C-alpha atoms as a PDB file:
ATOM      1  CA  MET A   1      40.382   7.244 -82.220  1.00  0.00           C
ATOM      2  CA  PHE A   2      38.934   3.726 -82.596  1.00  0.00           C
ATOM      3  CA  SER A   3      38.562   3.309 -78.856  1.00  0.00           C
ATOM      4  CA  LYS A   4      36.692   6.630 -78.646  1.00  0.00           C
ATOM      5  CA  ILE A   5      34.277   5.497 -81.411  1.00  0.00           C
ATOM      6  CA  LYS A   6      33.887   2.208 -79.642  1.00  0.00           C
ATOM      7  CA  SER A   7      33.082   4.044 -76.347  1.00  0.00           C
ATOM      8  CA  ASN A   8      30.633   6.307 -78.184  1.00  0.00           C
ATOM      9  CA  LEU A   9      28.798   3.300 -79.679  1.00  0.00           C
ATOM     10  CA  SER A  10      28.770   1.524 -76.448  1.00  0.00           C
ATOM     11  CA  SER A  11      27.034   4.573 -74.858  1.00  0.00           C
ATOM     12  CA  ALA A  12      24.612   4.749 -77.766  1.00  0.00           C
ATOM     13  CA  GLN A  13      23.391   1.221 -77.148  1.00  0.00           C
ATOM     14  CA  VAL A  14      20.667   2.797 -74.986  1.00  0.00           C
ATOM     15  CA  TYR A  15      19.155   3.967 -78.296  1.00  0.00           C
ATOM     16  CA  LEU A  16      19.960   0.846 -80.229  1.00  0.00           C
ATOM     17  CA  LYS A  17      16.393  -0.498 -80.561  1.00  0.00           C
ATOM     18  CA  GLU A  18      15.125   2.821 -81.830  1.00  0.00           C
ATOM     19  CA  SER A  19      18.054   3.081 -84.320  1.00  0.00           C
ATOM     20  CA  LEU A  20      17.462  -0.459 -85.673  1.00  0.00           C
ATOM     21  CA  LEU A  21      13.774   0.227 -86.009  1.00  0.00           C
ATOM     22  CA  ALA A  22      14.519   3.359 -87.965  1.00  0.00           C
ATOM     23  CA  ALA A  23      17.057   1.502 -90.161  1.00  0.00           C
ATOM     24  CA  ILE A  24      14.667  -1.327 -90.874  1.00  0.00           C
ATOM     25  CA  LEU A  25      11.850   1.031 -91.822  1.00  0.00           C
ATOM     26  CA  SER A  26      14.218   2.973 -94.045  1.00  0.00           C
ATOM     27  CA  ALA A  27      15.343  -0.207 -95.722  1.00  0.00           C
ATOM     28  CA  ILE A  28      11.724  -1.389 -96.393  1.00  0.00           C
ATOM     29  CA  ALA A  29      10.896   1.989 -97.811  1.00  0.00           C
ATOM     30  CA  VAL A  30      13.993   1.819-100.140  1.00  0.00           C
ATOM     31  CA  LEU A  31      13.119  -1.704-101.335  1.00  0.00           C
ATOM     32  CA  LEU A  32       9.547  -0.727-101.993  1.00  0.00           C
ATOM     33  CA  VAL A  33      10.423   2.451-103.885  1.00  0.00           C
ATOM     34  CA  VAL A  34      13.742   1.574-105.709  1.00  0.00           C
ATOM     35  CA  LYS A  35      13.323  -1.187-108.237  1.00  0.00           C
ATOM     36  CA  ASP A  36      17.031  -1.207-109.363  1.00  0.00           C
ATOM     37  CA  PHE A  37      18.912  -3.716-107.198  1.00  0.00           C
ATOM     38  CA  SER A  38      22.339  -1.886-107.363  1.00  0.00           C
ATOM     39  CA  SER A  39      20.702   1.445-106.516  1.00  0.00           C
ATOM     40  CA  ALA A  40      18.838  -0.174-103.673  1.00  0.00           C
ATOM     41  CA  VAL A  41      22.084  -1.745-102.246  1.00  0.00           C
ATOM     42  CA  LEU A  42      23.833   1.705-102.560  1.00  0.00           C
ATOM     43  CA  LEU A  43      21.015   3.474-100.656  1.00  0.00           C
ATOM     44  CA  LEU A  44      21.077   0.764 -97.930  1.00  0.00           C
ATOM     45  CA  ILE A  45      24.797   1.217 -97.512  1.00  0.00           C
ATOM     46  CA  ILE A  46      24.320   5.006 -97.260  1.00  0.00           C
ATOM     47  CA  ILE A  47      21.530   4.452 -94.675  1.00  0.00           C
ATOM     48  CA  PHE A  48      23.836   2.177 -92.716  1.00  0.00           C
ATOM     49  CA  VAL A  49      26.721   4.715 -92.817  1.00  0.00           C
ATOM     50  CA  ILE A  50      24.386   7.525 -91.765  1.00  0.00           C
ATOM     51  CA  GLY A  51      23.025   5.391 -88.906  1.00  0.00           C
ATOM     52  CA  PHE A  52      26.525   4.549 -87.801  1.00  0.00           C
ATOM     53  CA  ILE A  53      27.513   8.209 -87.778  1.00  0.00           C
ATOM     54  CA  PHE A  54      24.226   9.102 -86.014  1.00  0.00           C
ATOM     55  CA  LEU A  55      24.888   6.525 -83.286  1.00  0.00           C
ATOM     56  CA  ASN A  56      28.423   7.773 -82.836  1.00  0.00           C
ATOM     57  CA  LEU A  57      27.299  11.357 -82.442  1.00  0.00           C
ATOM     58  CA  ILE A  58      24.515  10.416 -79.912  1.00  0.00           C
ATOM     59  CA  GLY A  59      27.031   8.257 -77.975  1.00  0.00           C
ATOM     60  CA  ARG A  60      29.547  11.070 -77.930  1.00  0.00           C
ATOM     61  CA  LYS A  61      26.979  13.593 -76.690  1.00  0.00           C
ATOM     62  CA  ARG A  62      25.890  11.074 -74.031  1.00  0.00           C
ATOM     63  CA  ASN A  63      29.478  10.481 -72.887  1.00  0.00           C
ATOM     64  CA  ASN A  64      30.117  14.267 -72.706  1.00  0.00           C
ATOM     65  CA  GLU A  65      27.062  14.659 -70.474  1.00  0.00           C
ATOM     66  CA  MET A  66      28.034  11.756 -68.337  1.00  0.00           C
ATOM     67  CA  ASP A  67      31.598  13.114 -67.944  1.00  0.00           C
ATOM     68  CA  GLU A  68      30.110  16.481 -66.971  1.00  0.00           C
ATOM     69  CA  ILE A  69      27.936  14.854 -64.317  1.00  0.00           C
ATOM     70  CA  LYS A  70      30.759  12.748 -62.885  1.00  0.00           C
ATOM     71  CA  THR A  71      32.962  15.841 -62.661  1.00  0.00           C
ATOM     72  CA  ILE A  72      30.280  17.743 -60.706  1.00  0.00           C
ATOM     73  CA  ILE A  73      29.680  14.875 -58.342  1.00  0.00           C
ATOM     74  CA  ASN A  74      33.397  14.206 -57.796  1.00  0.00           C
ATOM     75  CA  ASN A  75      33.940  17.940 -57.050  1.00  0.00           C
ATOM     76  CA  ILE A  76      31.023  17.823 -54.530  1.00  0.00           C
ATOM     77  CA  ARG A  77      32.518  14.752 -52.960  1.00  0.00           C
ATOM     78  CA  LYS A  78      35.844  16.540 -52.641  1.00  0.00           C
ATOM     79  CA  GLN A  79      34.142  19.534 -51.148  1.00  0.00           C
ATOM     80  CA  LEU A  80      35.457  21.844 -53.869  1.00  0.00           C
ATOM     81  CA  TYR A  81      32.256  23.916 -53.997  1.00  0.00           C
ATOM     82  CA  ASN A  82      31.461  26.599 -51.379  1.00  0.00           C
ATOM     83  CA  ASP A  83      28.194  27.577 -53.104  1.00  0.00           C
ATOM     84  CA  TYR A  84      25.625  25.715 -55.223  1.00  0.00           C
ATOM     85  CA  ASP A  85      25.828  28.453 -57.884  1.00  0.00           C
ATOM     86  CA  LYS A  86      29.079  26.940 -59.068  1.00  0.00           C
ATOM     87  CA  ILE A  87      27.267  23.781 -60.050  1.00  0.00           C
ATOM     88  CA  VAL A  88      26.439  24.302 -63.735  1.00  0.00           C
ATOM     89  CA  LEU A  89      25.324  21.757 -66.329  1.00  0.00           C
ATOM     90  CA  ASN A  90      24.422  22.333 -69.977  1.00  0.00           C
ATOM     91  CA  LYS A  91      20.767  23.394 -70.814  1.00  0.00           C
ATOM     92  CA  ASN A  92      19.763  19.910 -71.708  1.00  0.00           C
ATOM     93  CA  LEU A  93      20.442  18.846 -68.088  1.00  0.00           C
ATOM     94  CA  SER A  94      18.771  21.742 -66.384  1.00  0.00           C
ATOM     95  CA  SER A  95      16.374  19.559 -64.361  1.00  0.00           C
ATOM     96  CA  LEU A  96      19.295  17.368 -63.299  1.00  0.00           C
ATOM     97  CA  GLU A  97      21.217  20.435 -62.295  1.00  0.00           C
ATOM     98  CA  THR A  98      18.472  21.635 -60.087  1.00  0.00           C
ATOM     99  CA  ALA A  99      18.293  18.206 -58.467  1.00  0.00           C
ATOM    100  CA  ILE A 100      22.035  18.160 -57.778  1.00  0.00           C
ATOM    101  CA  LYS A 101      21.935  21.636 -56.321  1.00  0.00           C
ATOM    102  CA  LYS A 102      19.227  20.609 -53.946  1.00  0.00           C
ATOM    103  CA  MET A 103      21.235  17.492 -52.988  1.00  0.00           C
ATOM    104  CA  PHE A 104      24.345  19.707 -52.590  1.00  0.00           C
ATOM    105  CA  GLN A 105      22.381  22.129 -50.281  1.00  0.00           C
ATOM    106  CA  LYS A 106      20.944  19.294 -48.204  1.00  0.00           C
ATOM    107  CA  SER A 107      24.366  17.600 -47.954  1.00  0.00           C
ATOM    108  CA  LYS A 108      26.062  20.913 -46.900  1.00  0.00           C
ATOM    109  CA  SER A 109      23.349  21.577 -44.356  1.00  0.00           C
ATOM    110  CA  ASP A 110      23.646  18.099 -42.884  1.00  0.00           C
ATOM    111  CA  ILE A 111      27.415  18.387 -42.562  1.00  0.00           C
ATOM    112  CA  GLU A 112      27.190  21.777 -40.779  1.00  0.00           C
ATOM    113  CA  HIS A 113      24.506  20.352 -38.542  1.00  0.00           C
ATOM    114  CA  MET A 114      26.780  17.369 -37.657  1.00  0.00           C
ATOM    115  CA  ARG A 115      29.668  19.735 -37.057  1.00  0.00           C
ATOM    116  CA  LYS A 116      27.550  21.747 -34.621  1.00  0.00           C
ATOM    117  CA  LEU A 117      26.406  18.651 -32.873  1.00  0.00           C
ATOM    118  CA  GLN A 118      29.930  17.464 -32.593  1.00  0.00           C
ATOM    119  CA  LEU A 119      31.021  20.790 -31.153  1.00  0.00           C
ATOM    120  CA  MET A 120      28.076  20.800 -28.712  1.00  0.00           C
ATOM    121  CA  ARG A 121      28.951  17.292 -27.674  1.00  0.00           C
ATOM    122  CA  SER A 122      32.581  18.152 -27.156  1.00  0.00           C
ATOM    123  CA  GLN A 123      31.558  21.243 -25.112  1.00  0.00           C
ATOM    124  CA  PHE A 124      28.994  19.208 -23.117  1.00  0.00           C
ATOM    125  CA  ILE A 125      31.579  16.537 -22.228  1.00  0.00           C
ATOM    126  CA  ALA A 126      34.078  19.273 -21.186  1.00  0.00           C
ATOM    127  CA  ASN A 127      31.502  20.964 -19.047  1.00  0.00           C
ATOM    128  CA  VAL A 128      30.337  17.732 -17.455  1.00  0.00           C
ATOM    129  CA  SER A 129      33.992  16.762 -16.728  1.00  0.00           C
ATOM    130  CA  HIS A 130      34.591  20.096 -15.068  1.00  0.00           C
ATOM    131  CA  GLU A 131      31.319  20.037 -13.081  1.00  0.00           C
ATOM    132  CA  LEU A 132      32.010  16.563 -11.834  1.00  0.00           C
ATOM    133  CA  ARG A 133      35.686  17.263 -11.104  1.00  0.00           C
ATOM    134  CA  THR A 134      34.909  20.120  -8.681  1.00  0.00           C
ATOM    135  CA  PRO A 135      32.843  18.231  -6.050  1.00  0.00           C
ATOM    136  CA  ILE A 136      34.886  15.045  -6.413  1.00  0.00           C
ATOM    137  CA  PHE A 137      38.237  16.838  -5.794  1.00  0.00           C
ATOM    138  CA  THR A 138      36.666  18.829  -2.956  1.00  0.00           C
ATOM    139  CA  ILE A 139      35.363  15.637  -1.253  1.00  0.00           C
ATOM    140  CA  GLN A 140      38.716  14.047  -1.791  1.00  0.00           C
ATOM    141  CA  GLY A 141      40.511  16.995  -0.157  1.00  0.00           C
ATOM    142  CA  TYR A 142      38.267  16.900   2.951  1.00  0.00           C
ATOM    143  CA  ILE A 143      38.732  13.132   3.328  1.00  0.00           C
ATOM    144  CA  GLU A 144      42.560  13.278   2.909  1.00  0.00           C
ATOM    145  CA  THR A 145      42.699  16.086   5.488  1.00  0.00           C
ATOM    146  CA  LEU A 146      40.656  13.982   7.945  1.00  0.00           C
ATOM    147  CA  LEU A 147      42.772  10.919   7.290  1.00  0.00           C
ATOM    148  CA  ASP A 148      45.927  13.040   7.915  1.00  0.00           C
ATOM    149  CA  GLY A 149      44.838  13.508  11.546  1.00  0.00           C
ATOM    150  CA  ALA A 150      42.133  16.103  11.436  1.00  0.00           C
ATOM    151  CA  VAL A 151      39.603  13.346  12.223  1.00  0.00           C
ATOM    152  CA  ASN A 152      40.755  13.486  15.867  1.00  0.00           C
ATOM    153  CA  ASP A 153      40.247  17.316  16.032  1.00  0.00           C
ATOM    154  CA  PRO A 154      36.729  18.028  17.316  1.00  0.00           C
ATOM    155  CA  ALA A 155      36.887  21.542  16.104  1.00  0.00           C
ATOM    156  CA  VAL A 156      37.516  20.325  12.446  1.00  0.00           C
ATOM    157  CA  ASN A 157      36.157  16.805  11.895  1.00  0.00           C
ATOM    158  CA  ILE A 158      32.401  17.490  12.044  1.00  0.00           C
ATOM    159  CA  ARG A 159      32.705  20.686   9.951  1.00  0.00           C
ATOM    160  CA  PHE A 160      34.729  18.838   7.239  1.00  0.00           C
ATOM    161  CA  LEU A 161      32.340  15.885   7.229  1.00  0.00           C
ATOM    162  CA  SER A 162      29.393  18.224   6.873  1.00  0.00           C
ATOM    163  CA  LYS A 163      31.012  20.008   3.915  1.00  0.00           C
ATOM    164  CA  ALA A 164      31.888  16.713   2.280  1.00  0.00           C
ATOM    165  CA  LYS A 165      28.359  15.564   2.785  1.00  0.00           C
ATOM    166  CA  GLN A 166      27.016  18.744   1.111  1.00  0.00           C
ATOM    167  CA  HIS A 167      29.266  18.220  -1.907  1.00  0.00           C
ATOM    168  CA  THR A 168      28.055  14.660  -2.246  1.00  0.00           C
ATOM    169  CA  ILE A 169      24.446  16.090  -2.353  1.00  0.00           C
ATOM    170  CA  ASN A 170      25.606  18.597  -5.018  1.00  0.00           C
ATOM    171  CA  LEU A 171      27.225  15.731  -6.962  1.00  0.00           C
ATOM    172  CA  SER A 172      23.988  13.614  -6.723  1.00  0.00           C
ATOM    173  CA  ASN A 173      21.899  16.595  -7.897  1.00  0.00           C
ATOM    174  CA  LEU A 174      24.256  17.117 -10.887  1.00  0.00           C
ATOM    175  CA  LEU A 175      23.989  13.463 -11.910  1.00  0.00           C
ATOM    176  CA  ASN A 176      20.190  13.543 -11.556  1.00  0.00           C
ATOM    177  CA  ASP A 177      20.045  16.631 -13.738  1.00  0.00           C
ATOM    178  CA  LEU A 178      22.316  15.074 -16.275  1.00  0.00           C
ATOM    179  CA  ILE A 179      20.044  11.974 -16.467  1.00  0.00           C
ATOM    180  CA  ASP A 180      17.017  14.148 -16.758  1.00  0.00           C
ATOM    181  CA  ILE A 181      18.321  16.311 -19.539  1.00  0.00           C
ATOM    182  CA  SER A 182      19.711  13.328 -21.485  1.00  0.00           C
ATOM    183  CA  MET A 183      16.376  11.492 -21.291  1.00  0.00           C
ATOM    184  CA  ILE A 184      14.423  14.599 -22.361  1.00  0.00           C
ATOM    185  CA  GLU A 185      16.688  15.394 -25.318  1.00  0.00           C
ATOM    186  CA  SER A 186      16.729  11.783 -26.475  1.00  0.00           C
ATOM    187  CA  GLY A 187      12.928  11.602 -26.250  1.00  0.00           C
ATOM    188  CA  GLU A 188      13.070   8.808 -23.692  1.00  0.00           C
ATOM    189  CA  MET A 189      11.331  10.860 -20.855  1.00  0.00           C
ATOM    190  CA  ARG A 190       7.665   9.970 -20.723  1.00  0.00           C
ATOM    191  CA  MET A 191       5.181  12.624 -19.796  1.00  0.00           C
ATOM    192  CA  SER A 192       1.992  11.896 -17.815  1.00  0.00           C
ATOM    193  CA  TYR A 193      -0.580  14.542 -18.688  1.00  0.00           C
ATOM    194  CA  ARG A 194      -3.679  15.055 -16.599  1.00  0.00           C
ATOM    195  CA  PHE A 195      -5.829  17.849 -15.161  1.00  0.00           C
ATOM    196  CA  PHE A 196      -4.964  19.171 -11.735  1.00  0.00           C
ATOM    197  CA  LYS A 197      -6.020  22.143  -9.570  1.00  0.00           C
ATOM    198  CA  VAL A 198      -3.672  25.054  -9.601  1.00  0.00           C
ATOM    199  CA  ASN A 199      -4.030  26.536  -6.070  1.00  0.00           C
ATOM    200  CA  ASP A 200      -3.379  23.413  -3.969  1.00  0.00           C
ATOM    201  CA  TYR A 201      -0.488  22.456  -6.273  1.00  0.00           C
ATOM    202  CA  LEU A 202       1.315  25.834  -6.077  1.00  0.00           C
ATOM    203  CA  PHE A 203       0.632  26.385  -2.392  1.00  0.00           C
ATOM    204  CA  SER A 204       2.403  23.135  -1.591  1.00  0.00           C
ATOM    205  CA  ILE A 205       5.457  23.972  -3.779  1.00  0.00           C
ATOM    206  CA  THR A 206       5.768  27.587  -2.469  1.00  0.00           C
ATOM    207  CA  ASN A 207       5.406  26.579   1.164  1.00  0.00           C
ATOM    208  CA  GLN A 208       8.445  24.328   1.026  1.00  0.00           C
ATOM    209  CA  PHE A 209      10.575  27.325   0.301  1.00  0.00           C
ATOM    210  CA  LEU A 210       9.231  29.576   3.099  1.00  0.00           C
ATOM    211  CA  PRO A 211      11.994  28.669   5.601  1.00  0.00           C
ATOM    212  CA  MET A 212      14.727  29.509   2.989  1.00  0.00           C
ATOM    213  CA  ALA A 213      13.011  32.848   2.242  1.00  0.00           C
ATOM    214  CA  GLU A 214      12.643  33.633   5.989  1.00  0.00           C
ATOM    215  CA  GLU A 215      16.375  32.852   6.513  1.00  0.00           C
ATOM    216  CA  LYS A 216      17.274  35.356   3.842  1.00  0.00           C
ATOM    217  CA  GLY A 217      14.766  37.919   5.118  1.00  0.00           C
ATOM    218  CA  ILE A 218      12.745  37.781   1.849  1.00  0.00           C
ATOM    219  CA  GLU A 219       9.022  37.762   1.494  1.00  0.00           C
ATOM    220  CA  LEU A 220       7.857  34.808  -0.555  1.00  0.00           C
ATOM    221  CA  VAL A 221       4.129  34.924  -1.493  1.00  0.00           C
ATOM    222  CA  TYR A 222       1.770  32.971  -3.639  1.00  0.00           C
ATOM    223  CA  LEU A 223      -1.153  34.934  -5.034  1.00  0.00           C
ATOM    224  CA  PRO A 224      -3.988  32.433  -5.600  1.00  0.00           C
ATOM    225  CA  VAL A 225      -6.432  32.173  -8.428  1.00  0.00           C
ATOM    226  CA  ASN A 226      -9.965  30.799  -8.313  1.00  0.00           C
ATOM    227  CA  ASP A 227     -10.115  27.436  -6.538  1.00  0.00           C
ATOM    228  CA  SER A 228     -11.870  25.764  -9.452  1.00  0.00           C
ATOM    229  CA  VAL A 229      -9.087  26.648 -12.022  1.00  0.00           C
ATOM    230  CA  GLU A 230      -7.368  23.512 -13.426  1.00  0.00           C
ATOM    231  CA  VAL A 231      -4.637  23.074 -16.004  1.00  0.00           C
ATOM    232  CA  PHE A 232      -3.477  20.177 -18.130  1.00  0.00           C
ATOM    233  CA  GLY A 233       0.000  18.880 -17.691  1.00  0.00           C
ATOM    234  CA  ASP A 234       2.521  16.596 -15.994  1.00  0.00           C
ATOM    235  CA  ARG A 235       2.452  17.468 -12.278  1.00  0.00           C
ATOM    236  CA  GLU A 236       5.825  15.985 -11.415  1.00  0.00           C
ATOM    237  CA  LYS A 237       7.702  17.477 -14.397  1.00  0.00           C
ATOM    238  CA  LEU A 238       6.083  20.881 -13.865  1.00  0.00           C
ATOM    239  CA  LYS A 239       7.122  20.781 -10.294  1.00  0.00           C
ATOM    240  CA  GLN A 240      10.718  20.638 -11.423  1.00  0.00           C
ATOM    241  CA  VAL A 241      10.142  23.788 -13.407  1.00  0.00           C
ATOM    242  CA  PHE A 242       8.543  25.657 -10.436  1.00  0.00           C
ATOM    243  CA  VAL A 243      11.080  24.428  -8.071  1.00  0.00           C
ATOM    244  CA  ASN A 244      13.947  25.532 -10.309  1.00  0.00           C
ATOM    245  CA  LEU A 245      12.376  29.044 -10.929  1.00  0.00           C
ATOM    246  CA  ILE A 246      11.640  29.666  -7.230  1.00  0.00           C
ATOM    247  CA  GLN A 247      15.145  28.392  -6.197  1.00  0.00           C
ATOM    248  CA  ASN A 248      16.845  30.684  -8.708  1.00  0.00           C
ATOM    249  CA  ALA A 249      14.725  33.645  -7.510  1.00  0.00           C
ATOM    250  CA  LEU A 250      15.845  32.929  -3.910  1.00  0.00           C
ATOM    251  CA  LYS A 251      19.484  32.553  -4.961  1.00  0.00           C
ATOM    252  CA  TYR A 252      19.635  35.860  -6.789  1.00  0.00           C
ATOM    253  CA  THR A 253      17.415  38.018  -4.548  1.00  0.00           C
ATOM    254  CA  ASP A 254      19.032  39.569  -1.376  1.00  0.00           C
ATOM    255  CA  LYS A 255      16.169  41.819  -0.441  1.00  0.00           C
ATOM    256  CA  GLY A 256      12.522  42.473  -1.330  1.00  0.00           C
ATOM    257  CA  LYS A 257      10.091  39.784  -2.249  1.00  0.00           C
ATOM    258  CA  ILE A 258       9.403  36.886  -4.626  1.00  0.00           C
ATOM    259  CA  GLU A 259       5.835  36.452  -6.036  1.00  0.00           C
ATOM    260  CA  VAL A 260       4.468  33.330  -7.476  1.00  0.00           C
ATOM    261  CA  PHE A 261       1.098  33.708  -9.139  1.00  0.00           C
ATOM    262  CA  ALA A 262      -1.219  32.646 -11.891  1.00  0.00           C
ATOM    263  CA  GLU A 263      -3.384  34.628 -14.293  1.00  0.00           C
ATOM    264  CA  GLU A 264      -6.451  32.899 -15.715  1.00  0.00           C
ATOM    265  CA  LYS A 265      -7.106  33.454 -19.435  1.00  0.00           C
ATOM    266  CA  LYS A 266      -9.801  32.195 -21.673  1.00  0.00           C
ATOM    267  CA  LYS A 267      -8.165  28.937 -22.706  1.00  0.00           C
ATOM    268  CA  SER A 268      -5.014  28.938 -20.584  1.00  0.00           C
ATOM    269  CA  VAL A 269      -3.433  29.931 -17.344  1.00  0.00           C
ATOM    270  CA  LYS A 270      -0.286  32.064 -17.241  1.00  0.00           C
ATOM    271  CA  PHE A 271       2.152  31.224 -14.463  1.00  0.00           C
ATOM    272  CA  ILE A 272       4.572  33.912 -13.304  1.00  0.00           C
ATOM    273  CA  VAL A 273       7.551  33.895 -10.899  1.00  0.00           C
ATOM    274  CA  ARG A 274       8.737  37.467 -10.192  1.00  0.00           C
ATOM    275  CA  ASP A 275      11.548  38.612  -7.991  1.00  0.00           C
ATOM    276  CA  THR A 276      13.273  41.807  -6.945  1.00  0.00           C
ATOM    277  CA  GLY A 277      16.706  40.379  -7.360  1.00  0.00           C
ATOM    278  CA  ILE A 278      19.928  41.345  -9.159  1.00  0.00           C
ATOM    279  CA  GLY A 279      18.385  40.878 -12.617  1.00  0.00           C
ATOM    280  CA  ILE A 280      19.973  39.566 -15.842  1.00  0.00           C
ATOM    281  CA  PRO A 281      21.842  41.719 -18.353  1.00  0.00           C
ATOM    282  CA  ALA A 282      19.948  41.889 -21.666  1.00  0.00           C
ATOM    283  CA  GLU A 283      22.755  40.313 -23.613  1.00  0.00           C
ATOM    284  CA  TYR A 284      22.682  37.183 -21.476  1.00  0.00           C
ATOM    285  CA  ILE A 285      18.931  36.554 -21.487  1.00  0.00           C
ATOM    286  CA  LYS A 286      19.056  34.552 -24.782  1.00  0.00           C
ATOM    287  CA  ARG A 287      21.712  32.178 -23.310  1.00  0.00           C
ATOM    288  CA  ILE A 288      20.444  31.456 -19.847  1.00  0.00           C
ATOM    289  CA  PHE A 289      18.601  28.348 -21.058  1.00  0.00           C
ATOM    290  CA  GLU A 290      21.843  26.798 -22.465  1.00  0.00           C
ATOM    291  CA  ARG A 291      23.324  23.850 -20.567  1.00  0.00           C
ATOM    292  CA  PHE A 292      25.855  24.904 -17.936  1.00  0.00           C
ATOM    293  CA  TYR A 293      25.592  28.575 -18.961  1.00  0.00           C
ATOM    294  CA  ARG A 294      25.781  31.018 -16.146  1.00  0.00           C
ATOM    295  CA  ALA A 295      25.382  34.794 -16.597  1.00  0.00           C
ATOM    296  CA  ASP A 296      27.310  35.475 -13.355  1.00  0.00           C
ATOM    297  CA  LYS A 297      29.711  32.598 -12.940  1.00  0.00           C
ATOM    298  CA  ASN A 298      31.211  33.793  -9.693  1.00  0.00           C
ATOM    299  CA  ARG A 299      27.730  34.322  -8.072  1.00  0.00           C
ATOM    300  CA  SER A 300      26.455  31.076  -9.443  1.00  0.00           C
ATOM    301  CA  ARG A 301      29.350  29.034  -7.920  1.00  0.00           C
ATOM    302  CA  SER A 302      28.841  30.657  -4.528  1.00  0.00           C
ATOM    303  CA  VAL A 303      25.069  29.893  -4.369  1.00  0.00           C
ATOM    304  CA  GLY A 304      25.330  26.458  -5.896  1.00  0.00           C
ATOM    305  CA  GLY A 305      23.304  24.773  -8.580  1.00  0.00           C
ATOM    306  CA  THR A 306      24.127  22.451 -11.549  1.00  0.00           C
ATOM    307  CA  GLY A 307      23.746  24.937 -14.362  1.00  0.00           C
ATOM    308  CA  LEU A 308      21.171  22.559 -15.961  1.00  0.00           C
ATOM    309  CA  GLY A 309      17.942  23.682 -14.214  1.00  0.00           C
ATOM    310  CA  LEU A 310      16.795  26.266 -16.762  1.00  0.00           C
ATOM    311  CA  ALA A 311      17.685  24.014 -19.702  1.00  0.00           C
ATOM    312  CA  ILE A 312      15.544  21.211 -18.204  1.00  0.00           C
ATOM    313  CA  ALA A 313      12.703  23.670 -17.364  1.00  0.00           C
ATOM    314  CA  LYS A 314      12.811  24.873 -21.020  1.00  0.00           C
ATOM    315  CA  HIS A 315      12.476  21.375 -22.350  1.00  0.00           C
ATOM    316  CA  ILE A 316       9.638  20.430 -20.074  1.00  0.00           C
ATOM    317  CA  ILE A 317       7.603  23.594 -20.859  1.00  0.00           C
ATOM    318  CA  GLU A 318       8.213  23.004 -24.608  1.00  0.00           C
ATOM    319  CA  ALA A 319       6.925  19.378 -24.174  1.00  0.00           C
ATOM    320  CA  HIS A 320       3.712  21.056 -22.934  1.00  0.00           C
ATOM    321  CA  GLY A 321       3.428  23.068 -26.136  1.00  0.00           C
ATOM    322  CA  SER A 322       4.538  26.346 -24.438  1.00  0.00           C
ATOM    323  CA  GLN A 323       7.530  28.644 -24.082  1.00  0.00           C
ATOM    324  CA  ILE A 324       9.218  30.322 -21.118  1.00  0.00           C
ATOM    325  CA  GLU A 325       9.395  34.033 -21.487  1.00  0.00           C
ATOM    326  CA  VAL A 326      11.868  36.157 -19.556  1.00  0.00           C
ATOM    327  CA  LYS A 327      11.639  39.806 -18.573  1.00  0.00           C
ATOM    328  CA  SER A 328      14.579  41.253 -16.525  1.00  0.00           C
ATOM    329  CA  GLU A 329      16.257  44.457 -15.538  1.00  0.00           C
ATOM    330  CA  VAL A 330      19.611  44.676 -13.760  1.00  0.00           C
ATOM    331  CA  GLU A 331      19.347  45.593 -10.115  1.00  0.00           C
ATOM    332  CA  LYS A 332      15.485  45.637 -10.285  1.00  0.00           C
ATOM    333  CA  GLY A 333      14.564  41.909 -10.765  1.00  0.00           C
ATOM    334  CA  SER A 334      13.398  39.226 -13.118  1.00  0.00           C
ATOM    335  CA  GLU A 335      10.193  37.669 -14.239  1.00  0.00           C
ATOM    336  CA  PHE A 336       9.817  34.160 -15.735  1.00  0.00           C
ATOM    337  CA  SER A 337       6.421  33.109 -17.166  1.00  0.00           C
ATOM    338  CA  PHE A 338       4.751  30.450 -19.253  1.00  0.00           C
ATOM    339  CA  GLU A 339       1.225  29.317 -20.119  1.00  0.00           C
ATOM    340  CA  LEU A 340      -0.541  25.918 -19.739  1.00  0.00           C
ATOM    341  CA  LYS A 341      -3.755  24.907 -21.236  1.00  0.00           C
ATOM    342  CA  LYS A 342      -6.908  24.684 -19.168  1.00  0.00           C
END
C-alpha cells in the first residue's frame, strides 16, 4: 500500500510546482481570512491533506495511463496485433492512440516490405545461381570431353570448341546484364540525355539485324518518320531497349514480318516494334518484365537470352519518364511501344 502511494506521488511530481503554488495561495487566503490561530492551523492541515490526496489521485491516474501505453507498446513489439483496431487507449489519450496506430501501420508496412525484399533477394540469388550454373557446367562438359581424347578427333573438336565459345559468350552477356540491372536498380547508372535524330538512329539499329532476319526468312522493315524529327534521351541506353525488343521479336517470330516504326505526336514520338510471332498469353503479359521470368521457358532456353532484357528495358524507359506498353495475341503477334519527348 505504502509503496503504491509512494509510486503515485513520484509520478505526480510532474505537477508538483502547480500543487505547491495552489497550496501556498490557499494558505495565504486562509491566513488573511481566518483570524483565529487554531482554526487557521486546522484549515491548513486540511488543505495539506486534500493536497496530498489530490497528488496521490493524479499520480495513480498517470501511472495507469503509463501502464496502458507500455502494455500497448510491448504488445506491438511482440507482434501480438494483426490489426491496428486492437490498439485502444482511454479517451484522454485519443491523440496518442492515433499516433501509435499510425506508427503501427508504418512499422507493419516496413516489415512486410522488408520481407518482400528478402524474398525477392533470395529468388534473385537462386535464379542467378541457376543461370550461371548452366553455361559453366556445359563449358566444363565440353572441355572434359576434349581432354578425354575428343581433342584429337577432327569431327568433334572444332564443333565442341565452337559450342564452348558460344556458351562463354552467353555467360558474358548474362554477367553484363546482371551488372546493368544492379546499377539501374541501385541508382548508380548515370544517364546522358541529349537530342538526336530518330531516322538515322533507328536505321542503323535495324540494319544490324537484317542478316538474322534474312536467315530466318522474315521481313524486317523500318518505317521512317520525317527526317527532322528529334527526341530527347540517352542514345546508348535506348539502344539497349531497341536491340532487346528487336531480338525478342526475331526469336519468337518464325514467319511473317517485323516492323519498327515511329509515330510523331505533338510533344512526343511513339516508338513501336511489332511482329507476327507466337504472341504472349494474356495471363503472362504483366509478368514478362520480371527478372528471369519467361512465359515459354522451353522456347526461351532454345533461342537463348538472359531473361533480364525486358527488365532492363523497363527500367531504362521509366528513367526517361515513360512506360513500355504491350499488346499481344497468341499465334498472331506482339507489339511493344513507348513514347519519348521531342
